[in-house]
Amino acid sequence: LALEKEELVQELASKSSHASHLK
């Protein structure tokens, strides 16, 4: 479960990073 959570966190972080760059 911890690994899955980490993966989700990384995915959200990457998405957020892309969104901030688009802004």
N, C-alpha and C. Protein backbone atom coordinates (compact mmCIF):
# COMPACT_ATOMS: atom_id res chain seq x y z
N LEU A 1 0.85 -1.21 0.00
CA LEU A 1 0.00 0.00 0.00
C LEU A 1 0.88 1.25 0.00
N ALA A 2 1.95 1.22 0.79
CA ALA A 2 2.82 2.40 0.86
C ALA A 2 3.37 2.73 -0.53
N LEU A 3 3.81 1.70 -1.24
CA LEU A 3 4.37 1.93 -2.58
C LEU A 3 3.31 2.56 -3.48
N GLU A 4 2.09 2.01 -3.43
CA GLU A 4 1.02 2.56 -4.27
C GLU A 4 0.79 4.03 -3.92
N LYS A 5 0.78 4.33 -2.64
CA LYS A 5 0.56 5.72 -2.22
C LYS A 5 1.67 6.61 -2.78
N GLU A 6 2.90 6.12 -2.67
CA GLU A 6 4.04 6.92 -3.17
C GLU A 6 3.86 7.18 -4.66
N GLU A 7 3.44 6.14 -5.39
CA GLU A 7 3.25 6.31 -6.84
C GLU A 7 2.19 7.37 -7.10
N LEU A 8 1.09 7.31 -6.36
CA LEU A 8 0.02 8.29 -6.55
C LEU A 8 0.54 9.70 -6.24
N VAL A 9 1.29 9.81 -5.17
CA VAL A 9 1.83 11.13 -4.78
C VAL A 9 2.73 11.66 -5.89
N GLN A 10 3.58 10.79 -6.42
CA GLN A 10 4.50 11.22 -7.48
C GLN A 10 3.71 11.66 -8.70
N GLU A 11 2.66 10.88 -9.02
CA GLU A 11 1.85 11.23 -10.20
C GLU A 11 1.21 12.61 -9.99
N LEU A 12 0.63 12.82 -8.81
CA LEU A 12 -0.02 14.11 -8.54
C LEU A 12 1.02 15.23 -8.59
N ALA A 13 2.19 14.97 -8.04
CA ALA A 13 3.24 16.00 -8.03
C ALA A 13 3.63 16.35 -9.45
N SER A 14 3.79 15.32 -10.29
CA SER A 14 4.18 15.58 -11.69
C SER A 14 3.08 16.37 -12.40
N LYS A 15 1.83 15.97 -12.17
CA LYS A 15 0.70 16.68 -12.80
C LYS A 15 0.68 18.14 -12.33
N SER A 16 0.86 18.33 -11.04
CA SER A 16 0.83 19.69 -10.48
C SER A 16 1.97 20.50 -11.09
N SER A 17 3.14 19.86 -11.23
CA SER A 17 4.29 20.57 -11.80
C SER A 17 3.97 21.00 -13.22
N HIS A 18 3.39 20.08 -14.01
CA HIS A 18 3.05 20.42 -15.39
C HIS A 18 2.03 21.57 -15.42
N ALA A 19 1.06 21.49 -14.54
CA ALA A 19 0.02 22.53 -14.51
C ALA A 19 0.66 23.89 -14.20
N SER A 20 1.57 23.90 -13.24
CA SER A 20 2.20 25.18 -12.86
C SER A 20 3.01 25.71 -14.04
N HIS A 21 3.64 24.80 -14.79
CA HIS A 21 4.43 25.25 -15.95
C HIS A 21 3.51 25.83 -17.01
N LEU A 22 2.35 25.19 -17.19
CA LEU A 22 1.41 25.67 -18.20
C LEU A 22 0.93 27.07 -17.83
N LYS A 23 0.76 27.30 -16.53
CA LYS A 23 0.30 28.61 -16.08
C LYS A 23 1.42 29.61 -16.36
